[in-house]
Amino acid sequence: MNRIYKYGLVVAVLSVFLGGCSTTKTNDIATMSSNNIATGSINNRSIQGSSLKIDSKVPRVFYFEFDKVMLSAKARASLRLHAESLRLNPTKIRLLGHADERGSREYNMALGENRGNVVREFLIQEGVNGSLIEVISYGEEKAALSGSNEKSWAMNRRVELK
């Protein structure tokens, strides 16, 4: 009994010690964005959260390679424009993650969620308030293009910004 008590005490002390040593990086842009949201102004403009206002020519669908979650350079460039708009006009958004039909249903749900989370983290790094971003995964359930070929699969590996 005494041995179990000592072991528990050691684990508790180590947990406190290691937790106290951890640090979190503060993104100055994210901090500024949070402060501006709290005060209700962004660059002397009032918050209007009715809809995402950005040029309709900027893509809202971001495609991925097979079994990958890495953003392309094109996707990052488009997301930077969306992030700028969201910093100036904070709005709740949804990121809908998708996968092609290959893989199990569970795997594709997780892959769609991971892709959505990669986009979410990128937007947060660009200064968007993370509490305004919801990630939903549809896995393979809502295909953009039906078919069992490379063209269909490529169109279905995506995250949509809504």
N, C-alpha and C. Protein backbone atom coordinates (compact mmCIF):
# COMPACT_ATOMS: atom_id res chain seq x y z
N MET A 1 0.83 -1.19 0.00
CA MET A 1 0.00 0.00 0.00
C MET A 1 0.87 1.25 0.00
N ASN A 2 1.92 1.24 0.82
CA ASN A 2 2.83 2.38 0.91
C ASN A 2 3.52 2.61 -0.43
N ARG A 3 3.83 1.53 -1.12
CA ARG A 3 4.50 1.62 -2.42
C ARG A 3 3.58 2.27 -3.46
N ILE A 4 2.30 1.93 -3.48
CA ILE A 4 1.33 2.53 -4.40
C ILE A 4 1.19 4.01 -4.11
N TYR A 5 1.14 4.38 -2.84
CA TYR A 5 1.04 5.78 -2.45
C TYR A 5 2.23 6.58 -2.97
N LYS A 6 3.44 6.03 -2.79
CA LYS A 6 4.65 6.72 -3.25
C LYS A 6 4.64 6.87 -4.77
N TYR A 7 4.22 5.82 -5.46
CA TYR A 7 4.17 5.86 -6.92
C TYR A 7 3.18 6.93 -7.38
N GLY A 8 2.02 6.99 -6.76
CA GLY A 8 1.02 8.00 -7.10
C GLY A 8 1.53 9.40 -6.84
N LEU A 9 2.25 9.58 -5.74
CA LEU A 9 2.81 10.88 -5.39
C LEU A 9 3.85 11.31 -6.42
N VAL A 10 4.70 10.38 -6.84
CA VAL A 10 5.72 10.69 -7.86
C VAL A 10 5.05 11.10 -9.17
N VAL A 11 4.03 10.37 -9.59
CA VAL A 11 3.32 10.70 -10.82
C VAL A 11 2.68 12.08 -10.72
N ALA A 12 2.06 12.39 -9.59
CA ALA A 12 1.42 13.70 -9.40
C ALA A 12 2.45 14.83 -9.46
N VAL A 13 3.57 14.66 -8.78
CA VAL A 13 4.61 15.69 -8.76
C VAL A 13 5.18 15.89 -10.16
N LEU A 14 5.45 14.80 -10.87
CA LEU A 14 5.97 14.92 -12.23
C LEU A 14 4.96 15.61 -13.15
N SER A 15 3.69 15.30 -12.99
CA SER A 15 2.66 15.93 -13.81
C SER A 15 2.64 17.43 -13.59
N VAL A 16 2.69 17.86 -12.34
CA VAL A 16 2.69 19.28 -12.02
C VAL A 16 3.95 19.93 -12.57
N PHE A 17 5.09 19.29 -12.37
CA PHE A 17 6.36 19.83 -12.83
C PHE A 17 6.38 19.99 -14.34
N LEU A 18 6.00 18.93 -15.07
CA LEU A 18 6.03 18.97 -16.53
C LEU A 18 4.98 19.94 -17.07
N GLY A 19 3.85 20.02 -16.44
CA GLY A 19 2.83 20.98 -16.86
C GLY A 19 3.29 22.40 -16.68
N GLY A 20 4.03 22.66 -15.62
CA GLY A 20 4.54 24.00 -15.36
C GLY A 20 5.65 24.39 -16.32
N CYS A 21 6.32 23.42 -16.89
CA CYS A 21 7.42 23.70 -17.82
C CYS A 21 6.94 23.94 -19.24
N SER A 22 5.72 23.56 -19.54
CA SER A 22 5.25 23.72 -20.91
C SER A 22 4.99 25.18 -21.21
N THR A 23 5.20 25.54 -22.46
CA THR A 23 4.94 26.91 -22.89
C THR A 23 4.03 26.88 -24.09
N THR A 24 3.33 27.96 -24.27
CA THR A 24 2.51 28.09 -25.46
C THR A 24 2.98 29.30 -26.23
N LYS A 25 3.00 29.15 -27.54
CA LYS A 25 3.39 30.27 -28.38
C LYS A 25 2.20 31.19 -28.53
N THR A 26 2.46 32.47 -28.44
CA THR A 26 1.40 33.45 -28.63
C THR A 26 1.59 34.08 -29.99
N ASN A 27 0.60 33.96 -30.80
CA ASN A 27 0.63 34.58 -32.11
C ASN A 27 0.15 36.02 -31.95
N ASP A 28 1.04 36.98 -32.20
CA ASP A 28 0.69 38.38 -32.00
C ASP A 28 -0.54 38.79 -32.80
N ILE A 29 -0.64 38.28 -34.02
CA ILE A 29 -1.79 38.62 -34.85
C ILE A 29 -3.05 38.07 -34.22
N ALA A 30 -3.00 36.83 -33.75
CA ALA A 30 -4.18 36.23 -33.13
C ALA A 30 -4.56 36.97 -31.87
N THR A 31 -3.56 37.40 -31.09
CA THR A 31 -3.83 38.15 -29.88
C THR A 31 -4.48 39.48 -30.21
N MET A 32 -3.93 40.17 -31.22
CA MET A 32 -4.51 41.45 -31.63
C MET A 32 -5.94 41.24 -32.10
N SER A 33 -6.17 40.16 -32.87
CA SER A 33 -7.49 39.88 -33.37
C SER A 33 -8.47 39.63 -32.23
N SER A 34 -8.04 38.85 -31.22
CA SER A 34 -8.90 38.57 -30.07
C SER A 34 -9.21 39.85 -29.31
N ASN A 35 -8.21 40.71 -29.13
CA ASN A 35 -8.43 41.96 -28.43
C ASN A 35 -9.40 42.85 -29.20
N ASN A 36 -9.24 42.90 -30.51
CA ASN A 36 -10.14 43.71 -31.32
C ASN A 36 -11.56 43.17 -31.29
N ILE A 37 -11.70 41.87 -31.29
CA ILE A 37 -13.04 41.29 -31.22
C ILE A 37 -13.69 41.62 -29.89
N ALA A 38 -12.92 41.56 -28.81
CA ALA A 38 -13.46 41.87 -27.49
C ALA A 38 -13.93 43.31 -27.41
N THR A 39 -13.22 44.24 -28.06
CA THR A 39 -13.61 45.64 -28.00
C THR A 39 -14.66 45.99 -29.03
N GLY A 40 -14.88 45.09 -30.00
CA GLY A 40 -15.92 45.33 -30.98
C GLY A 40 -15.48 46.14 -32.17
N SER A 41 -14.19 46.33 -32.36
CA SER A 41 -13.76 47.09 -33.53
C SER A 41 -12.54 46.47 -34.16
N ILE A 42 -12.48 46.56 -35.43
CA ILE A 42 -11.34 46.09 -36.20
C ILE A 42 -10.97 47.23 -37.14
N ASN A 43 -9.78 47.78 -36.96
CA ASN A 43 -9.35 48.89 -37.81
C ASN A 43 -10.41 49.98 -37.91
N ASN A 44 -10.97 50.36 -36.78
CA ASN A 44 -11.99 51.40 -36.69
C ASN A 44 -13.27 51.07 -37.46
N ARG A 45 -13.53 49.80 -37.68
CA ARG A 45 -14.75 49.36 -38.34
C ARG A 45 -15.54 48.49 -37.38
N SER A 46 -16.85 48.59 -37.40
CA SER A 46 -17.66 47.76 -36.51
C SER A 46 -17.76 46.36 -37.08
N ILE A 47 -18.01 45.41 -36.20
CA ILE A 47 -18.11 44.02 -36.61
C ILE A 47 -19.47 43.78 -37.25
N GLN A 48 -19.44 43.16 -38.42
CA GLN A 48 -20.66 42.78 -39.10
C GLN A 48 -20.54 41.31 -39.42
N GLY A 49 -21.13 40.46 -38.60
CA GLY A 49 -20.93 39.02 -38.73
C GLY A 49 -21.99 38.30 -39.53
N SER A 50 -22.62 38.95 -40.50
CA SER A 50 -23.71 38.30 -41.20
C SER A 50 -23.25 37.28 -42.23
N SER A 51 -22.18 37.58 -42.96
CA SER A 51 -21.68 36.63 -43.95
C SER A 51 -20.24 36.95 -44.30
N LEU A 52 -19.56 35.97 -44.84
CA LEU A 52 -18.17 36.15 -45.24
C LEU A 52 -18.13 36.99 -46.50
N LYS A 53 -17.48 38.14 -46.41
CA LYS A 53 -17.42 39.04 -47.55
C LYS A 53 -16.03 38.97 -48.16
N ILE A 54 -15.95 38.38 -49.32
CA ILE A 54 -14.68 38.29 -50.04
C ILE A 54 -15.00 38.09 -51.51
N ASP A 55 -14.08 38.48 -52.35
CA ASP A 55 -14.25 38.35 -53.79
C ASP A 55 -14.66 36.93 -54.14
N SER A 56 -15.72 36.81 -54.92
CA SER A 56 -16.22 35.47 -55.28
C SER A 56 -15.25 34.70 -56.16
N LYS A 57 -14.23 35.37 -56.70
CA LYS A 57 -13.24 34.69 -57.53
C LYS A 57 -12.20 33.93 -56.70
N VAL A 58 -12.13 34.23 -55.42
CA VAL A 58 -11.18 33.53 -54.54
C VAL A 58 -11.78 32.16 -54.20
N PRO A 59 -11.04 31.10 -54.49
CA PRO A 59 -11.58 29.75 -54.25
C PRO A 59 -11.99 29.52 -52.80
N ARG A 60 -13.07 28.78 -52.63
CA ARG A 60 -13.56 28.38 -51.31
C ARG A 60 -13.47 26.87 -51.13
N VAL A 61 -12.90 26.20 -52.11
CA VAL A 61 -12.71 24.76 -52.04
C VAL A 61 -11.21 24.50 -52.20
N PHE A 62 -10.67 23.69 -51.29
CA PHE A 62 -9.24 23.43 -51.26
C PHE A 62 -9.02 21.94 -51.41
N TYR A 63 -8.23 21.57 -52.40
CA TYR A 63 -8.05 20.16 -52.76
C TYR A 63 -6.77 19.59 -52.17
N PHE A 64 -6.78 18.27 -51.97
CA PHE A 64 -5.67 17.56 -51.34
C PHE A 64 -5.24 16.38 -52.20
N GLU A 65 -3.99 15.99 -52.02
CA GLU A 65 -3.46 14.79 -52.67
C GLU A 65 -4.04 13.56 -51.97
N PHE A 66 -3.91 12.42 -52.62
CA PHE A 66 -4.41 11.16 -52.06
C PHE A 66 -3.77 10.89 -50.70
N ASP A 67 -4.62 10.66 -49.70
CA ASP A 67 -4.20 10.26 -48.36
C ASP A 67 -3.30 11.30 -47.68
N LYS A 68 -3.43 12.57 -48.07
CA LYS A 68 -2.59 13.65 -47.52
C LYS A 68 -3.47 14.72 -46.88
N VAL A 69 -2.84 15.50 -45.99
CA VAL A 69 -3.53 16.62 -45.35
C VAL A 69 -2.77 17.94 -45.55
N MET A 70 -1.71 17.93 -46.35
CA MET A 70 -0.90 19.12 -46.54
C MET A 70 -1.56 20.09 -47.54
N LEU A 71 -1.56 21.38 -47.19
CA LEU A 71 -2.13 22.41 -48.06
C LEU A 71 -1.17 22.74 -49.20
N SER A 72 -1.73 22.94 -50.38
CA SER A 72 -0.92 23.36 -51.52
C SER A 72 -0.61 24.85 -51.40
N ALA A 73 0.35 25.32 -52.17
CA ALA A 73 0.69 26.75 -52.18
C ALA A 73 -0.51 27.57 -52.63
N LYS A 74 -1.25 27.08 -53.61
CA LYS A 74 -2.44 27.77 -54.10
C LYS A 74 -3.50 27.89 -53.00
N ALA A 75 -3.70 26.81 -52.26
CA ALA A 75 -4.68 26.83 -51.16
C ALA A 75 -4.25 27.81 -50.08
N ARG A 76 -2.97 27.82 -49.73
CA ARG A 76 -2.48 28.75 -48.71
C ARG A 76 -2.67 30.20 -49.14
N ALA A 77 -2.43 30.50 -50.42
CA ALA A 77 -2.61 31.87 -50.92
C ALA A 77 -4.08 32.28 -50.82
N SER A 78 -4.98 31.41 -51.21
CA SER A 78 -6.42 31.71 -51.11
C SER A 78 -6.85 31.86 -49.66
N LEU A 79 -6.36 30.98 -48.81
CA LEU A 79 -6.73 31.04 -47.39
C LEU A 79 -6.22 32.31 -46.73
N ARG A 80 -5.08 32.84 -47.17
CA ARG A 80 -4.59 34.11 -46.62
C ARG A 80 -5.57 35.24 -46.92
N LEU A 81 -6.15 35.24 -48.12
CA LEU A 81 -7.15 36.25 -48.48
C LEU A 81 -8.40 36.09 -47.62
N HIS A 82 -8.83 34.86 -47.43
CA HIS A 82 -9.99 34.61 -46.57
C HIS A 82 -9.69 35.04 -45.13
N ALA A 83 -8.49 34.76 -44.66
CA ALA A 83 -8.11 35.13 -43.30
C ALA A 83 -8.14 36.64 -43.13
N GLU A 84 -7.65 37.36 -44.11
CA GLU A 84 -7.67 38.83 -44.04
C GLU A 84 -9.10 39.34 -43.93
N SER A 85 -9.98 38.78 -44.73
CA SER A 85 -11.39 39.16 -44.69
C SER A 85 -12.01 38.82 -43.34
N LEU A 86 -11.69 37.65 -42.81
CA LEU A 86 -12.25 37.23 -41.52
C LEU A 86 -11.70 38.05 -40.36
N ARG A 87 -10.48 38.54 -40.47
CA ARG A 87 -9.95 39.41 -39.42
C ARG A 87 -10.68 40.75 -39.43
N LEU A 88 -10.97 41.27 -40.62
CA LEU A 88 -11.66 42.55 -40.74
C LEU A 88 -13.15 42.44 -40.47
N ASN A 89 -13.72 41.29 -40.74
CA ASN A 89 -15.15 41.08 -40.61
C ASN A 89 -15.39 39.70 -39.97
N PRO A 90 -15.16 39.58 -38.65
CA PRO A 90 -15.31 38.28 -37.99
C PRO A 90 -16.68 37.66 -38.23
N THR A 91 -16.67 36.46 -38.74
CA THR A 91 -17.88 35.74 -39.11
C THR A 91 -17.69 34.27 -38.79
N LYS A 92 -18.75 33.63 -38.31
CA LYS A 92 -18.66 32.18 -38.09
C LYS A 92 -18.60 31.48 -39.44
N ILE A 93 -17.68 30.53 -39.53
CA ILE A 93 -17.54 29.76 -40.77
C ILE A 93 -17.52 28.27 -40.45
N ARG A 94 -17.78 27.47 -41.47
CA ARG A 94 -17.69 26.02 -41.37
C ARG A 94 -16.68 25.53 -42.39
N LEU A 95 -15.89 24.60 -41.96
CA LEU A 95 -14.95 23.92 -42.85
C LEU A 95 -15.44 22.49 -42.99
N LEU A 96 -15.83 22.12 -44.20
CA LEU A 96 -16.40 20.81 -44.45
C LEU A 96 -15.35 19.92 -45.10
N GLY A 97 -14.87 18.93 -44.35
CA GLY A 97 -13.81 18.05 -44.84
C GLY A 97 -14.37 16.83 -45.54
N HIS A 98 -13.72 16.45 -46.63
CA HIS A 98 -14.16 15.32 -47.45
C HIS A 98 -12.98 14.43 -47.82
N ALA A 99 -13.30 13.21 -48.23
CA ALA A 99 -12.30 12.26 -48.71
C ALA A 99 -12.89 11.51 -49.90
N ASP A 100 -12.05 10.88 -50.70
CA ASP A 100 -12.58 10.05 -51.78
C ASP A 100 -13.05 8.72 -51.20
N GLU A 101 -13.59 7.88 -52.03
CA GLU A 101 -14.23 6.64 -51.56
C GLU A 101 -13.26 5.55 -51.13
N ARG A 102 -11.98 5.71 -51.42
CA ARG A 102 -11.02 4.67 -51.06
C ARG A 102 -10.74 4.74 -49.56
N GLY A 103 -10.65 3.62 -48.92
CA GLY A 103 -10.47 3.57 -47.47
C GLY A 103 -11.78 3.27 -46.78
N SER A 104 -11.69 2.89 -45.51
CA SER A 104 -12.91 2.57 -44.75
C SER A 104 -13.67 3.85 -44.43
N ARG A 105 -14.92 3.69 -44.09
CA ARG A 105 -15.76 4.84 -43.74
C ARG A 105 -15.15 5.60 -42.57
N GLU A 106 -14.70 4.88 -41.55
CA GLU A 106 -14.12 5.50 -40.36
C GLU A 106 -12.84 6.25 -40.71
N TYR A 107 -12.01 5.62 -41.53
CA TYR A 107 -10.75 6.26 -41.93
C TYR A 107 -11.03 7.56 -42.69
N ASN A 108 -11.99 7.52 -43.61
CA ASN A 108 -12.31 8.70 -44.41
C ASN A 108 -12.93 9.81 -43.58
N MET A 109 -13.71 9.44 -42.56
CA MET A 109 -14.25 10.46 -41.66
C MET A 109 -13.12 11.16 -40.92
N ALA A 110 -12.17 10.38 -40.43
CA ALA A 110 -11.02 10.95 -39.72
C ALA A 110 -10.16 11.79 -40.67
N LEU A 111 -9.97 11.33 -41.89
CA LEU A 111 -9.17 12.07 -42.87
C LEU A 111 -9.84 13.40 -43.21
N GLY A 112 -11.14 13.40 -43.41
CA GLY A 112 -11.87 14.64 -43.68
C GLY A 112 -11.75 15.61 -42.52
N GLU A 113 -11.84 15.10 -41.30
CA GLU A 113 -11.69 15.95 -40.12
C GLU A 113 -10.27 16.50 -40.01
N ASN A 114 -9.28 15.66 -40.27
CA ASN A 114 -7.89 16.13 -40.22
C ASN A 114 -7.63 17.22 -41.25
N ARG A 115 -8.18 17.06 -42.44
CA ARG A 115 -8.03 18.09 -43.47
C ARG A 115 -8.69 19.39 -43.04
N GLY A 116 -9.88 19.29 -42.47
CA GLY A 116 -10.55 20.49 -41.97
C GLY A 116 -9.76 21.17 -40.87
N ASN A 117 -9.17 20.37 -39.99
CA ASN A 117 -8.37 20.93 -38.89
C ASN A 117 -7.09 21.59 -39.39
N VAL A 118 -6.50 21.07 -40.46
CA VAL A 118 -5.32 21.71 -41.04
C VAL A 118 -5.68 23.10 -41.57
N VAL A 119 -6.82 23.20 -42.25
CA VAL A 119 -7.27 24.50 -42.75
C VAL A 119 -7.58 25.42 -41.57
N ARG A 120 -8.25 24.90 -40.54
CA ARG A 120 -8.57 25.70 -39.36
C ARG A 120 -7.30 26.25 -38.71
N GLU A 121 -6.31 25.40 -38.49
CA GLU A 121 -5.07 25.84 -37.86
C GLU A 121 -4.35 26.88 -38.72
N PHE A 122 -4.40 26.73 -40.03
CA PHE A 122 -3.78 27.73 -40.90
C PHE A 122 -4.47 29.08 -40.72
N LEU A 123 -5.80 29.09 -40.72
CA LEU A 123 -6.54 30.34 -40.53
C LEU A 123 -6.23 30.97 -39.18
N ILE A 124 -6.13 30.16 -38.15
CA ILE A 124 -5.80 30.68 -36.81
C ILE A 124 -4.40 31.29 -36.82
N GLN A 125 -3.45 30.64 -37.46
CA GLN A 125 -2.10 31.19 -37.56
C GLN A 125 -2.09 32.52 -38.31
N GLU A 126 -3.06 32.69 -39.20
CA GLU A 126 -3.17 33.94 -39.95
C GLU A 126 -3.98 34.99 -39.20
N GLY A 127 -4.37 34.70 -37.96
CA GLY A 127 -5.01 35.69 -37.11
C GLY A 127 -6.51 35.60 -36.98
N VAL A 128 -7.13 34.55 -37.50
CA VAL A 128 -8.58 34.38 -37.39
C VAL A 128 -8.90 33.81 -36.01
N ASN A 129 -9.96 34.30 -35.40
CA ASN A 129 -10.41 33.81 -34.10
C ASN A 129 -10.91 32.37 -34.25
N GLY A 130 -10.23 31.43 -33.60
CA GLY A 130 -10.56 30.02 -33.72
C GLY A 130 -11.95 29.66 -33.24
N SER A 131 -12.52 30.45 -32.34
CA SER A 131 -13.86 30.14 -31.84
C SER A 131 -14.93 30.37 -32.90
N LEU A 132 -14.57 31.01 -33.99
CA LEU A 132 -15.53 31.26 -35.07
C LEU A 132 -15.50 30.17 -36.14
N ILE A 133 -14.62 29.19 -35.97
CA ILE A 133 -14.42 28.16 -37.00
C ILE A 133 -14.92 26.81 -36.51
N GLU A 134 -15.84 26.23 -37.26
CA GLU A 134 -16.37 24.89 -36.96
C GLU A 134 -15.89 23.93 -38.05
N VAL A 135 -15.39 22.78 -37.65
CA VAL A 135 -14.94 21.76 -38.59
C VAL A 135 -15.93 20.60 -38.57
N ILE A 136 -16.38 20.22 -39.75
CA ILE A 136 -17.30 19.09 -39.90
C ILE A 136 -16.69 18.15 -40.94
N SER A 137 -16.71 16.87 -40.67
CA SER A 137 -16.21 15.90 -41.64
C SER A 137 -17.37 15.09 -42.21
N TYR A 138 -17.38 14.98 -43.52
CA TYR A 138 -18.34 14.12 -44.19
C TYR A 138 -17.67 12.86 -44.75
N GLY A 139 -16.35 12.79 -44.61
CA GLY A 139 -15.64 11.63 -45.15
C GLY A 139 -15.94 11.46 -46.62
N GLU A 140 -16.39 10.27 -47.00
CA GLU A 140 -16.70 9.98 -48.40
C GLU A 140 -18.19 10.18 -48.70
N GLU A 141 -18.97 10.60 -47.71
CA GLU A 141 -20.43 10.60 -47.80
C GLU A 141 -21.01 11.61 -48.79
N LYS A 142 -20.38 12.74 -48.99
CA LYS A 142 -20.94 13.78 -49.87
C LYS A 142 -19.96 14.07 -51.01
N ALA A 143 -19.94 13.17 -51.95
CA ALA A 143 -19.01 13.29 -53.07
C ALA A 143 -19.39 14.48 -53.95
N ALA A 144 -18.38 15.21 -54.41
CA ALA A 144 -18.61 16.31 -55.35
C ALA A 144 -18.83 15.74 -56.75
N LEU A 145 -18.19 14.63 -57.03
CA LEU A 145 -18.27 14.00 -58.34
C LEU A 145 -18.31 12.49 -58.15
N SER A 146 -19.35 11.86 -58.67
CA SER A 146 -19.44 10.41 -58.51
C SER A 146 -18.59 9.70 -59.56
N GLY A 147 -18.12 8.54 -59.20
CA GLY A 147 -17.29 7.76 -60.11
C GLY A 147 -16.11 7.18 -59.37
N SER A 148 -15.58 6.12 -59.92
CA SER A 148 -14.43 5.45 -59.32
C SER A 148 -13.23 5.59 -60.26
N ASN A 149 -12.80 6.84 -60.43
CA ASN A 149 -11.65 7.12 -61.28
C ASN A 149 -10.87 8.29 -60.69
N GLU A 150 -9.68 8.51 -61.20
CA GLU A 150 -8.80 9.53 -60.61
C GLU A 150 -9.42 10.92 -60.63
N LYS A 151 -10.13 11.28 -61.69
CA LYS A 151 -10.75 12.61 -61.77
C LYS A 151 -11.77 12.80 -60.65
N SER A 152 -12.62 11.82 -60.44
CA SER A 152 -13.63 11.89 -59.37
C SER A 152 -12.96 11.92 -58.01
N TRP A 153 -12.00 11.05 -57.81
CA TRP A 153 -11.32 10.99 -56.52
C TRP A 153 -10.65 12.33 -56.20
N ALA A 154 -10.00 12.93 -57.19
CA ALA A 154 -9.31 14.21 -56.97
C ALA A 154 -10.29 15.31 -56.57
N MET A 155 -11.47 15.32 -57.16
CA MET A 155 -12.48 16.34 -56.85
C MET A 155 -13.10 16.12 -55.47
N ASN A 156 -13.05 14.90 -54.97
CA ASN A 156 -13.67 14.58 -53.69
C ASN A 156 -12.73 14.76 -52.50
N ARG A 157 -11.45 14.89 -52.73
CA ARG A 157 -10.47 15.11 -51.65
C ARG A 157 -10.37 16.61 -51.42
N ARG A 158 -11.23 17.14 -50.53
CA ARG A 158 -11.34 18.59 -50.43
C ARG A 158 -11.82 19.05 -49.07
N VAL A 159 -11.64 20.35 -48.84
CA VAL A 159 -12.27 21.06 -47.72
C VAL A 159 -12.99 22.25 -48.32
N GLU A 160 -14.25 22.40 -47.96
CA GLU A 160 -15.05 23.53 -48.43
C GLU A 160 -15.18 24.55 -47.31
N LEU A 161 -15.03 25.82 -47.63
CA LEU A 161 -15.21 26.90 -46.67
C LEU A 161 -16.60 27.47 -46.88
N LYS A 162 -17.45 27.38 -45.88
CA LYS A 162 -18.83 27.87 -45.95
C LYS A 162 -19.07 28.92 -44.90
